N, C-alpha and C. Protein backbone atom coordinates (compact mmCIF):
# COMPACT_ATOMS: atom_id res chain seq x y z
N MET A 1 64.67 -123.84 -107.83
CA MET A 1 63.43 -123.25 -107.33
C MET A 1 63.24 -121.88 -107.98
N LEU A 2 62.03 -121.61 -108.36
CA LEU A 2 61.70 -120.34 -108.98
C LEU A 2 61.41 -119.31 -107.87
N ILE A 3 62.41 -118.50 -107.56
CA ILE A 3 62.27 -117.50 -106.52
C ILE A 3 62.32 -116.12 -107.16
N ASN A 4 61.41 -115.25 -106.74
CA ASN A 4 61.33 -113.89 -107.27
C ASN A 4 61.16 -113.87 -108.79
N GLN A 5 60.46 -114.85 -109.31
CA GLN A 5 60.14 -114.92 -110.73
C GLN A 5 58.64 -114.73 -110.88
N THR A 6 58.25 -114.29 -112.04
CA THR A 6 56.83 -114.14 -112.35
C THR A 6 56.50 -114.97 -113.56
N ILE A 7 55.36 -115.64 -113.46
CA ILE A 7 54.83 -116.38 -114.59
C ILE A 7 53.51 -115.72 -114.94
N LEU A 8 53.38 -115.30 -116.17
CA LEU A 8 52.14 -114.70 -116.65
C LEU A 8 51.33 -115.78 -117.34
N MET A 9 50.07 -115.93 -116.91
CA MET A 9 49.18 -116.91 -117.54
C MET A 9 48.05 -116.19 -118.23
N ALA A 10 47.87 -116.46 -119.52
CA ALA A 10 46.75 -115.93 -120.28
C ALA A 10 45.76 -117.07 -120.48
N GLU A 11 44.62 -116.96 -119.80
CA GLU A 11 43.61 -118.02 -119.80
C GLU A 11 42.24 -117.39 -119.62
N ASP A 12 41.33 -117.70 -120.52
CA ASP A 12 40.00 -117.07 -120.44
C ASP A 12 38.97 -117.90 -119.67
N ASP A 13 39.17 -119.21 -119.53
CA ASP A 13 38.19 -120.07 -118.87
C ASP A 13 38.34 -119.95 -117.35
N PRO A 14 37.31 -119.42 -116.66
CA PRO A 14 37.43 -119.22 -115.21
C PRO A 14 37.64 -120.51 -114.44
N ASP A 15 37.06 -121.62 -114.92
CA ASP A 15 37.28 -122.91 -114.25
C ASP A 15 38.73 -123.36 -114.38
N ASP A 16 39.32 -123.18 -115.57
CA ASP A 16 40.72 -123.54 -115.75
C ASP A 16 41.62 -122.63 -114.92
N VAL A 17 41.30 -121.33 -114.85
CA VAL A 17 42.08 -120.40 -114.01
C VAL A 17 42.07 -120.89 -112.57
N MET A 18 40.90 -121.22 -112.04
CA MET A 18 40.79 -121.66 -110.66
C MET A 18 41.59 -122.95 -110.44
N LEU A 19 41.47 -123.92 -111.33
CA LEU A 19 42.19 -125.18 -111.20
C LEU A 19 43.70 -124.98 -111.28
N ILE A 20 44.12 -124.16 -112.22
CA ILE A 20 45.57 -123.91 -112.38
C ILE A 20 46.12 -123.15 -111.17
N GLN A 21 45.36 -122.19 -110.68
CA GLN A 21 45.80 -121.47 -109.46
C GLN A 21 45.93 -122.44 -108.29
N ARG A 22 44.95 -123.32 -108.12
CA ARG A 22 44.99 -124.32 -107.04
C ARG A 22 46.19 -125.26 -107.23
N ALA A 23 46.42 -125.67 -108.47
CA ALA A 23 47.55 -126.57 -108.75
C ALA A 23 48.88 -125.87 -108.47
N PHE A 24 48.98 -124.59 -108.83
CA PHE A 24 50.19 -123.81 -108.53
C PHE A 24 50.40 -123.72 -107.02
N GLN A 25 49.31 -123.50 -106.27
CA GLN A 25 49.40 -123.43 -104.82
C GLN A 25 49.89 -124.77 -104.26
N LYS A 26 49.28 -125.84 -104.72
CA LYS A 26 49.63 -127.18 -104.23
C LYS A 26 51.06 -127.54 -104.60
N ALA A 27 51.54 -127.05 -105.74
CA ALA A 27 52.91 -127.31 -106.17
C ALA A 27 53.90 -126.36 -105.49
N GLY A 28 53.41 -125.43 -104.65
CA GLY A 28 54.27 -124.50 -103.94
C GLY A 28 54.71 -123.31 -104.75
N MET A 29 53.96 -122.98 -105.81
CA MET A 29 54.35 -121.88 -106.68
C MET A 29 53.24 -120.82 -106.83
N GLY A 30 52.33 -120.76 -105.89
CA GLY A 30 51.17 -119.87 -106.00
C GLY A 30 51.51 -118.40 -106.14
N LYS A 31 52.58 -117.97 -105.52
CA LYS A 31 52.93 -116.52 -105.53
C LYS A 31 53.56 -116.09 -106.84
N LEU A 32 53.91 -117.02 -107.70
CA LEU A 32 54.57 -116.68 -108.95
C LEU A 32 53.61 -116.20 -110.03
N LEU A 33 52.34 -116.56 -109.90
CA LEU A 33 51.39 -116.45 -111.01
C LEU A 33 50.68 -115.10 -111.07
N GLN A 34 50.73 -114.49 -112.27
CA GLN A 34 49.92 -113.32 -112.62
C GLN A 34 48.97 -113.79 -113.72
N ILE A 35 47.73 -113.33 -113.69
CA ILE A 35 46.74 -113.85 -114.62
C ILE A 35 46.12 -112.73 -115.43
N VAL A 36 46.01 -112.98 -116.74
CA VAL A 36 45.22 -112.13 -117.63
C VAL A 36 44.18 -113.03 -118.28
N ARG A 37 43.04 -112.43 -118.66
CA ARG A 37 41.90 -113.24 -119.11
C ARG A 37 41.73 -113.32 -120.62
N ASP A 38 42.54 -112.60 -121.38
CA ASP A 38 42.44 -112.69 -122.83
C ASP A 38 43.71 -112.17 -123.48
N GLY A 39 43.76 -112.32 -124.80
CA GLY A 39 44.95 -111.92 -125.53
C GLY A 39 45.24 -110.44 -125.46
N GLY A 40 44.22 -109.63 -125.49
CA GLY A 40 44.39 -108.18 -125.39
C GLY A 40 45.01 -107.77 -124.06
N GLN A 41 44.54 -108.39 -122.97
CA GLN A 41 45.13 -108.12 -121.66
C GLN A 41 46.58 -108.60 -121.61
N ALA A 42 46.85 -109.73 -122.24
CA ALA A 42 48.23 -110.25 -122.26
C ALA A 42 49.17 -109.25 -122.92
N ILE A 43 48.73 -108.70 -124.04
CA ILE A 43 49.56 -107.71 -124.77
C ILE A 43 49.71 -106.44 -123.92
N ASN A 44 48.63 -105.99 -123.28
CA ASN A 44 48.71 -104.82 -122.41
C ASN A 44 49.67 -105.07 -121.24
N TYR A 45 49.58 -106.26 -120.64
CA TYR A 45 50.46 -106.60 -119.53
C TYR A 45 51.91 -106.54 -119.98
N LEU A 46 52.22 -107.23 -121.06
CA LEU A 46 53.61 -107.28 -121.53
C LEU A 46 54.13 -105.93 -121.99
N SER A 47 53.20 -105.07 -122.46
CA SER A 47 53.58 -103.72 -122.89
C SER A 47 53.64 -102.74 -121.74
N GLY A 48 53.10 -103.12 -120.59
CA GLY A 48 53.04 -102.20 -119.45
C GLY A 48 52.03 -101.10 -119.66
N LYS A 49 50.92 -101.42 -120.31
CA LYS A 49 49.89 -100.41 -120.61
C LYS A 49 48.68 -100.60 -119.72
N ALA A 50 47.85 -99.56 -119.70
CA ALA A 50 46.57 -99.54 -118.96
C ALA A 50 46.83 -99.91 -117.50
N GLU A 51 46.06 -100.86 -116.96
CA GLU A 51 46.18 -101.18 -115.53
C GLU A 51 47.47 -101.93 -115.19
N TYR A 52 48.30 -102.25 -116.19
CA TYR A 52 49.53 -103.01 -115.97
C TYR A 52 50.78 -102.13 -115.97
N LYS A 53 50.64 -100.82 -115.86
CA LYS A 53 51.78 -99.90 -115.86
C LYS A 53 52.70 -100.11 -114.67
N ASP A 54 52.16 -100.40 -113.53
CA ASP A 54 52.93 -100.52 -112.30
C ASP A 54 53.66 -101.86 -112.28
N ARG A 55 54.97 -101.83 -112.58
CA ARG A 55 55.73 -103.07 -112.63
C ARG A 55 56.01 -103.62 -111.23
N GLY A 56 55.75 -102.86 -110.21
CA GLY A 56 55.83 -103.40 -108.86
C GLY A 56 54.73 -104.41 -108.61
N HIS A 57 53.56 -104.14 -109.12
CA HIS A 57 52.42 -105.05 -108.98
C HIS A 57 52.29 -106.02 -110.16
N HIS A 58 52.83 -105.64 -111.28
CA HIS A 58 52.73 -106.45 -112.50
C HIS A 58 54.13 -106.58 -113.13
N PRO A 59 55.02 -107.33 -112.45
CA PRO A 59 56.40 -107.42 -112.95
C PRO A 59 56.47 -108.17 -114.29
N MET A 60 57.52 -107.87 -115.02
CA MET A 60 57.75 -108.59 -116.27
C MET A 60 57.95 -110.06 -115.96
N PRO A 61 57.27 -110.92 -116.68
CA PRO A 61 57.44 -112.36 -116.44
C PRO A 61 58.72 -112.89 -117.07
N PHE A 62 59.22 -113.96 -116.50
CA PHE A 62 60.33 -114.65 -117.15
C PHE A 62 59.77 -115.72 -118.07
N LEU A 63 58.48 -116.07 -117.84
CA LEU A 63 57.83 -117.13 -118.62
C LEU A 63 56.33 -116.83 -118.72
N MET A 64 55.76 -117.21 -119.86
CA MET A 64 54.33 -117.01 -120.06
C MET A 64 53.68 -118.35 -120.37
N LEU A 65 52.56 -118.62 -119.70
CA LEU A 65 51.69 -119.75 -120.03
C LEU A 65 50.57 -119.19 -120.89
N LEU A 66 50.42 -119.73 -122.07
CA LEU A 66 49.52 -119.12 -123.04
C LEU A 66 48.49 -120.13 -123.55
N ASP A 67 47.22 -119.83 -123.31
CA ASP A 67 46.14 -120.63 -123.89
C ASP A 67 45.97 -120.16 -125.33
N LEU A 68 45.63 -121.07 -126.21
CA LEU A 68 45.47 -120.70 -127.63
C LEU A 68 44.06 -120.22 -127.96
N LYS A 69 43.08 -120.85 -127.36
CA LYS A 69 41.67 -120.63 -127.74
C LYS A 69 41.03 -119.60 -126.81
N MET A 70 41.28 -118.33 -127.11
CA MET A 70 40.70 -117.25 -126.33
C MET A 70 39.89 -116.36 -127.28
N PRO A 71 38.82 -115.74 -126.76
CA PRO A 71 38.05 -114.83 -127.62
C PRO A 71 38.84 -113.56 -127.91
N GLY A 72 38.50 -112.90 -128.98
CA GLY A 72 39.21 -111.68 -129.37
C GLY A 72 40.59 -112.06 -129.90
N THR A 73 41.62 -111.49 -129.31
CA THR A 73 42.99 -111.82 -129.70
C THR A 73 43.33 -113.20 -129.14
N ASN A 74 43.51 -114.17 -130.03
CA ASN A 74 43.75 -115.54 -129.55
C ASN A 74 45.24 -115.74 -129.23
N GLY A 75 45.55 -116.90 -128.72
CA GLY A 75 46.93 -117.19 -128.32
C GLY A 75 47.93 -117.16 -129.44
N PHE A 76 47.52 -117.62 -130.62
CA PHE A 76 48.43 -117.56 -131.77
C PHE A 76 48.80 -116.12 -132.10
N GLU A 77 47.81 -115.23 -132.05
CA GLU A 77 48.06 -113.81 -132.35
C GLU A 77 48.96 -113.18 -131.28
N VAL A 78 48.75 -113.56 -130.01
CA VAL A 78 49.61 -113.05 -128.94
C VAL A 78 51.03 -113.54 -129.16
N LEU A 79 51.20 -114.80 -129.47
CA LEU A 79 52.53 -115.37 -129.70
C LEU A 79 53.22 -114.67 -130.87
N GLN A 80 52.48 -114.45 -131.94
CA GLN A 80 53.03 -113.76 -133.10
C GLN A 80 53.45 -112.35 -132.74
N TRP A 81 52.63 -111.64 -131.94
CA TRP A 81 52.95 -110.28 -131.51
C TRP A 81 54.22 -110.30 -130.64
N ILE A 82 54.29 -111.22 -129.68
CA ILE A 82 55.45 -111.31 -128.79
C ILE A 82 56.74 -111.43 -129.59
N ARG A 83 56.73 -112.29 -130.59
CA ARG A 83 57.95 -112.55 -131.34
C ARG A 83 58.34 -111.40 -132.29
N THR A 84 57.49 -110.39 -132.40
CA THR A 84 57.86 -109.20 -133.17
C THR A 84 58.36 -108.07 -132.28
N GLN A 85 58.35 -108.27 -130.98
CA GLN A 85 58.77 -107.25 -130.03
C GLN A 85 60.20 -107.51 -129.59
N PRO A 86 61.14 -106.63 -129.97
CA PRO A 86 62.56 -106.86 -129.63
C PRO A 86 62.79 -107.10 -128.13
N GLU A 87 62.09 -106.37 -127.28
CA GLU A 87 62.31 -106.50 -125.84
C GLU A 87 61.74 -107.79 -125.27
N LEU A 88 60.94 -108.52 -126.04
CA LEU A 88 60.32 -109.76 -125.57
C LEU A 88 60.84 -110.99 -126.31
N ARG A 89 61.81 -110.82 -127.17
CA ARG A 89 62.25 -111.94 -128.01
C ARG A 89 62.77 -113.13 -127.21
N ARG A 90 63.22 -112.89 -125.98
CA ARG A 90 63.72 -114.00 -125.14
C ARG A 90 62.70 -114.48 -124.12
N LEU A 91 61.51 -113.92 -124.13
CA LEU A 91 60.48 -114.37 -123.21
C LEU A 91 60.16 -115.83 -123.51
N LEU A 92 60.20 -116.65 -122.49
CA LEU A 92 59.84 -118.06 -122.66
C LEU A 92 58.32 -118.16 -122.72
N VAL A 93 57.82 -118.78 -123.79
CA VAL A 93 56.38 -118.93 -123.96
C VAL A 93 56.04 -120.41 -124.02
N VAL A 94 55.26 -120.84 -123.04
CA VAL A 94 54.81 -122.22 -122.97
C VAL A 94 53.31 -122.22 -123.28
N VAL A 95 52.94 -122.87 -124.35
CA VAL A 95 51.53 -123.01 -124.67
C VAL A 95 50.95 -124.05 -123.71
N LEU A 96 49.90 -123.68 -123.00
CA LEU A 96 49.17 -124.58 -122.10
C LEU A 96 47.72 -124.52 -122.52
N THR A 97 47.29 -125.55 -123.22
CA THR A 97 45.99 -125.49 -123.88
C THR A 97 45.32 -126.85 -123.83
N SER A 98 44.05 -126.87 -124.14
CA SER A 98 43.33 -128.15 -124.20
C SER A 98 43.41 -128.77 -125.59
N SER A 99 43.93 -128.05 -126.56
CA SER A 99 44.01 -128.54 -127.93
C SER A 99 45.16 -129.54 -128.10
N ASN A 100 44.80 -130.71 -128.58
CA ASN A 100 45.77 -131.74 -128.87
C ASN A 100 45.97 -131.90 -130.38
N LEU A 101 45.46 -130.94 -131.16
CA LEU A 101 45.56 -131.02 -132.61
C LEU A 101 46.99 -130.77 -133.06
N GLN A 102 47.49 -131.63 -133.92
CA GLN A 102 48.86 -131.49 -134.41
C GLN A 102 49.03 -130.19 -135.17
N THR A 103 47.99 -129.73 -135.88
CA THR A 103 48.10 -128.46 -136.61
C THR A 103 48.32 -127.30 -135.63
N ASP A 104 47.70 -127.33 -134.46
CA ASP A 104 47.91 -126.29 -133.45
C ASP A 104 49.33 -126.38 -132.88
N VAL A 105 49.80 -127.59 -132.63
CA VAL A 105 51.17 -127.79 -132.12
C VAL A 105 52.16 -127.20 -133.12
N ASP A 106 51.99 -127.58 -134.39
CA ASP A 106 52.92 -127.12 -135.43
C ASP A 106 52.89 -125.61 -135.56
N LYS A 107 51.69 -125.03 -135.58
CA LYS A 107 51.58 -123.58 -135.74
C LYS A 107 52.21 -122.83 -134.56
N ALA A 108 51.98 -123.35 -133.34
CA ALA A 108 52.56 -122.71 -132.16
C ALA A 108 54.08 -122.68 -132.23
N TYR A 109 54.69 -123.80 -132.63
CA TYR A 109 56.13 -123.83 -132.74
C TYR A 109 56.63 -122.96 -133.88
N GLU A 110 55.90 -122.93 -134.98
CA GLU A 110 56.29 -122.05 -136.11
C GLU A 110 56.27 -120.59 -135.70
N LEU A 111 55.36 -120.23 -134.78
CA LEU A 111 55.26 -118.84 -134.33
C LEU A 111 56.22 -118.52 -133.19
N GLY A 112 56.97 -119.52 -132.72
CA GLY A 112 58.00 -119.26 -131.72
C GLY A 112 57.75 -119.74 -130.31
N ALA A 113 56.80 -120.65 -130.11
CA ALA A 113 56.58 -121.22 -128.78
C ALA A 113 57.84 -121.99 -128.35
N ASN A 114 58.11 -121.96 -127.04
CA ASN A 114 59.26 -122.71 -126.52
C ASN A 114 58.86 -124.12 -126.08
N SER A 115 57.56 -124.30 -125.81
CA SER A 115 57.06 -125.60 -125.38
C SER A 115 55.56 -125.63 -125.59
N TYR A 116 55.01 -126.83 -125.70
CA TYR A 116 53.57 -127.01 -125.93
C TYR A 116 53.10 -128.10 -125.00
N LEU A 117 52.21 -127.73 -124.07
CA LEU A 117 51.65 -128.68 -123.10
C LEU A 117 50.14 -128.73 -123.24
N VAL A 118 49.60 -129.94 -123.15
CA VAL A 118 48.14 -130.12 -123.18
C VAL A 118 47.67 -130.23 -121.73
N LYS A 119 46.64 -129.46 -121.40
CA LYS A 119 46.11 -129.45 -120.03
C LYS A 119 45.57 -130.83 -119.68
N PRO A 120 46.04 -131.39 -118.57
CA PRO A 120 45.46 -132.67 -118.12
C PRO A 120 44.04 -132.44 -117.61
N VAL A 121 43.24 -133.47 -117.68
CA VAL A 121 41.84 -133.38 -117.24
C VAL A 121 41.74 -133.50 -115.72
N GLU A 122 42.51 -134.39 -115.12
CA GLU A 122 42.45 -134.62 -113.68
C GLU A 122 43.32 -133.62 -112.92
N PHE A 123 42.83 -133.17 -111.77
CA PHE A 123 43.55 -132.18 -110.96
C PHE A 123 44.91 -132.73 -110.51
N ALA A 124 44.97 -133.96 -110.05
CA ALA A 124 46.24 -134.54 -109.59
C ALA A 124 47.26 -134.57 -110.72
N GLU A 125 46.80 -134.84 -111.94
CA GLU A 125 47.69 -134.84 -113.08
C GLU A 125 48.22 -133.43 -113.38
N LEU A 126 47.35 -132.42 -113.20
CA LEU A 126 47.76 -131.03 -113.41
C LEU A 126 48.83 -130.64 -112.38
N VAL A 127 48.62 -131.00 -111.13
CA VAL A 127 49.62 -130.71 -110.08
C VAL A 127 50.93 -131.38 -110.44
N ASN A 128 50.88 -132.65 -110.85
CA ASN A 128 52.08 -133.38 -111.21
C ASN A 128 52.78 -132.69 -112.40
N LEU A 129 52.01 -132.27 -113.40
CA LEU A 129 52.59 -131.57 -114.55
C LEU A 129 53.28 -130.29 -114.11
N LEU A 130 52.66 -129.51 -113.21
CA LEU A 130 53.25 -128.25 -112.75
C LEU A 130 54.51 -128.49 -111.90
N GLN A 131 54.52 -129.56 -111.12
CA GLN A 131 55.73 -129.87 -110.35
C GLN A 131 56.89 -130.23 -111.27
N ARG A 132 56.61 -131.01 -112.29
CA ARG A 132 57.65 -131.36 -113.27
C ARG A 132 58.05 -130.13 -114.08
N PHE A 133 57.07 -129.30 -114.38
CA PHE A 133 57.28 -128.03 -115.10
C PHE A 133 58.27 -127.17 -114.32
N GLU A 134 58.04 -127.04 -113.01
CA GLU A 134 58.88 -126.21 -112.16
C GLU A 134 60.30 -126.74 -112.12
N VAL A 135 60.47 -128.04 -112.00
CA VAL A 135 61.80 -128.65 -111.99
C VAL A 135 62.50 -128.39 -113.31
N TYR A 136 61.78 -128.59 -114.40
CA TYR A 136 62.41 -128.39 -115.71
C TYR A 136 62.85 -126.95 -115.90
N TRP A 137 61.95 -125.98 -115.72
CA TRP A 137 62.25 -124.59 -116.03
C TRP A 137 63.18 -123.94 -115.00
N SER A 138 63.24 -124.48 -113.77
CA SER A 138 64.10 -123.84 -112.76
C SER A 138 65.41 -124.57 -112.52
N GLU A 139 65.47 -125.89 -112.78
CA GLU A 139 66.66 -126.64 -112.45
C GLU A 139 67.36 -127.25 -113.67
N ILE A 140 66.61 -127.72 -114.63
CA ILE A 140 67.21 -128.43 -115.76
C ILE A 140 67.51 -127.49 -116.92
N ASN A 141 66.53 -126.73 -117.33
CA ASN A 141 66.67 -125.85 -118.49
C ASN A 141 67.53 -124.64 -118.18
N ARG A 142 68.35 -124.25 -119.12
CA ARG A 142 69.12 -123.01 -119.04
C ARG A 142 68.34 -121.94 -119.75
N THR A 143 68.04 -120.85 -119.06
CA THR A 143 67.28 -119.77 -119.66
C THR A 143 68.21 -118.65 -120.11
N PRO A 144 67.78 -117.92 -121.14
CA PRO A 144 68.61 -116.80 -121.60
C PRO A 144 68.57 -115.66 -120.58
N SER A 145 69.59 -114.82 -120.62
CA SER A 145 69.53 -113.62 -119.80
C SER A 145 68.53 -112.67 -120.44
N ALA A 146 68.09 -111.73 -119.67
CA ALA A 146 67.13 -110.75 -120.21
C ALA A 146 67.82 -109.93 -121.29
N THR A 147 67.04 -109.49 -122.25
CA THR A 147 67.60 -108.62 -123.28
C THR A 147 67.93 -107.27 -122.65
N LEU A 148 68.75 -106.50 -123.31
CA LEU A 148 69.13 -105.16 -122.82
C LEU A 148 67.90 -104.33 -122.54
N GLU A 149 66.93 -104.35 -123.46
CA GLU A 149 65.72 -103.54 -123.28
C GLU A 149 64.96 -103.96 -122.04
N THR A 150 64.86 -105.28 -121.77
CA THR A 150 64.15 -105.77 -120.61
C THR A 150 64.89 -105.40 -119.35
N LYS A 151 66.23 -105.52 -119.35
CA LYS A 151 67.01 -105.14 -118.18
C LYS A 151 66.81 -103.68 -117.86
N GLN A 152 66.81 -102.80 -118.89
CA GLN A 152 66.61 -101.38 -118.67
C GLN A 152 65.22 -101.13 -118.12
N LEU A 153 64.21 -101.81 -118.67
CA LEU A 153 62.84 -101.65 -118.20
C LEU A 153 62.71 -102.06 -116.75
N ARG A 154 63.31 -103.20 -116.39
CA ARG A 154 63.24 -103.65 -115.00
C ARG A 154 63.92 -102.67 -114.07
N THR A 155 65.08 -102.14 -114.47
CA THR A 155 65.80 -101.17 -113.65
C THR A 155 64.97 -99.89 -113.48
N GLU A 156 64.40 -99.41 -114.58
CA GLU A 156 63.61 -98.17 -114.51
C GLU A 156 62.39 -98.34 -113.63
N THR A 157 61.73 -99.51 -113.69
CA THR A 157 60.52 -99.69 -112.90
C THR A 157 60.81 -99.90 -111.43
N THR A 158 62.01 -100.41 -111.09
CA THR A 158 62.33 -100.60 -109.69
C THR A 158 62.89 -99.33 -109.03
N LEU A 159 63.35 -98.38 -109.83
CA LEU A 159 63.89 -97.15 -109.26
C LEU A 159 62.81 -96.16 -108.89
N GLY A 160 61.64 -96.23 -109.53
CA GLY A 160 60.62 -95.24 -109.35
C GLY A 160 59.77 -95.44 -108.21
């Protein structure tokens, strides 16, 4: 079970945000989700900049759900940026997108995605996907420990 974990979701489509939030609630994981609406906000969140400075309200995620097709800074650019940041090199990044193009799948993995999921069309299928997602990432998969930089950041933000 994912307890005291944060999942950051970068998704620009308000309908998809609402559906994914509802699916997370139905799957029993509603409190885990933090949402940003574009790639620029995702980078600010992960950097702890602007409105995301307060790590009490915006904790570092253990996993990120990343849409690829966003205006401005797209998901590929966010993924590329993440993998150049030493303190984020172990962040689990799961692409959750509507694109089923093999070129997008290949590019996402080349840039360092840990997983690639295509958004189901039906709500029940989305809930089922998230329930299986939760079991995989919390019970089956072994995750890396936080990097030294992330551990220090978490300690500093909880002391203040």
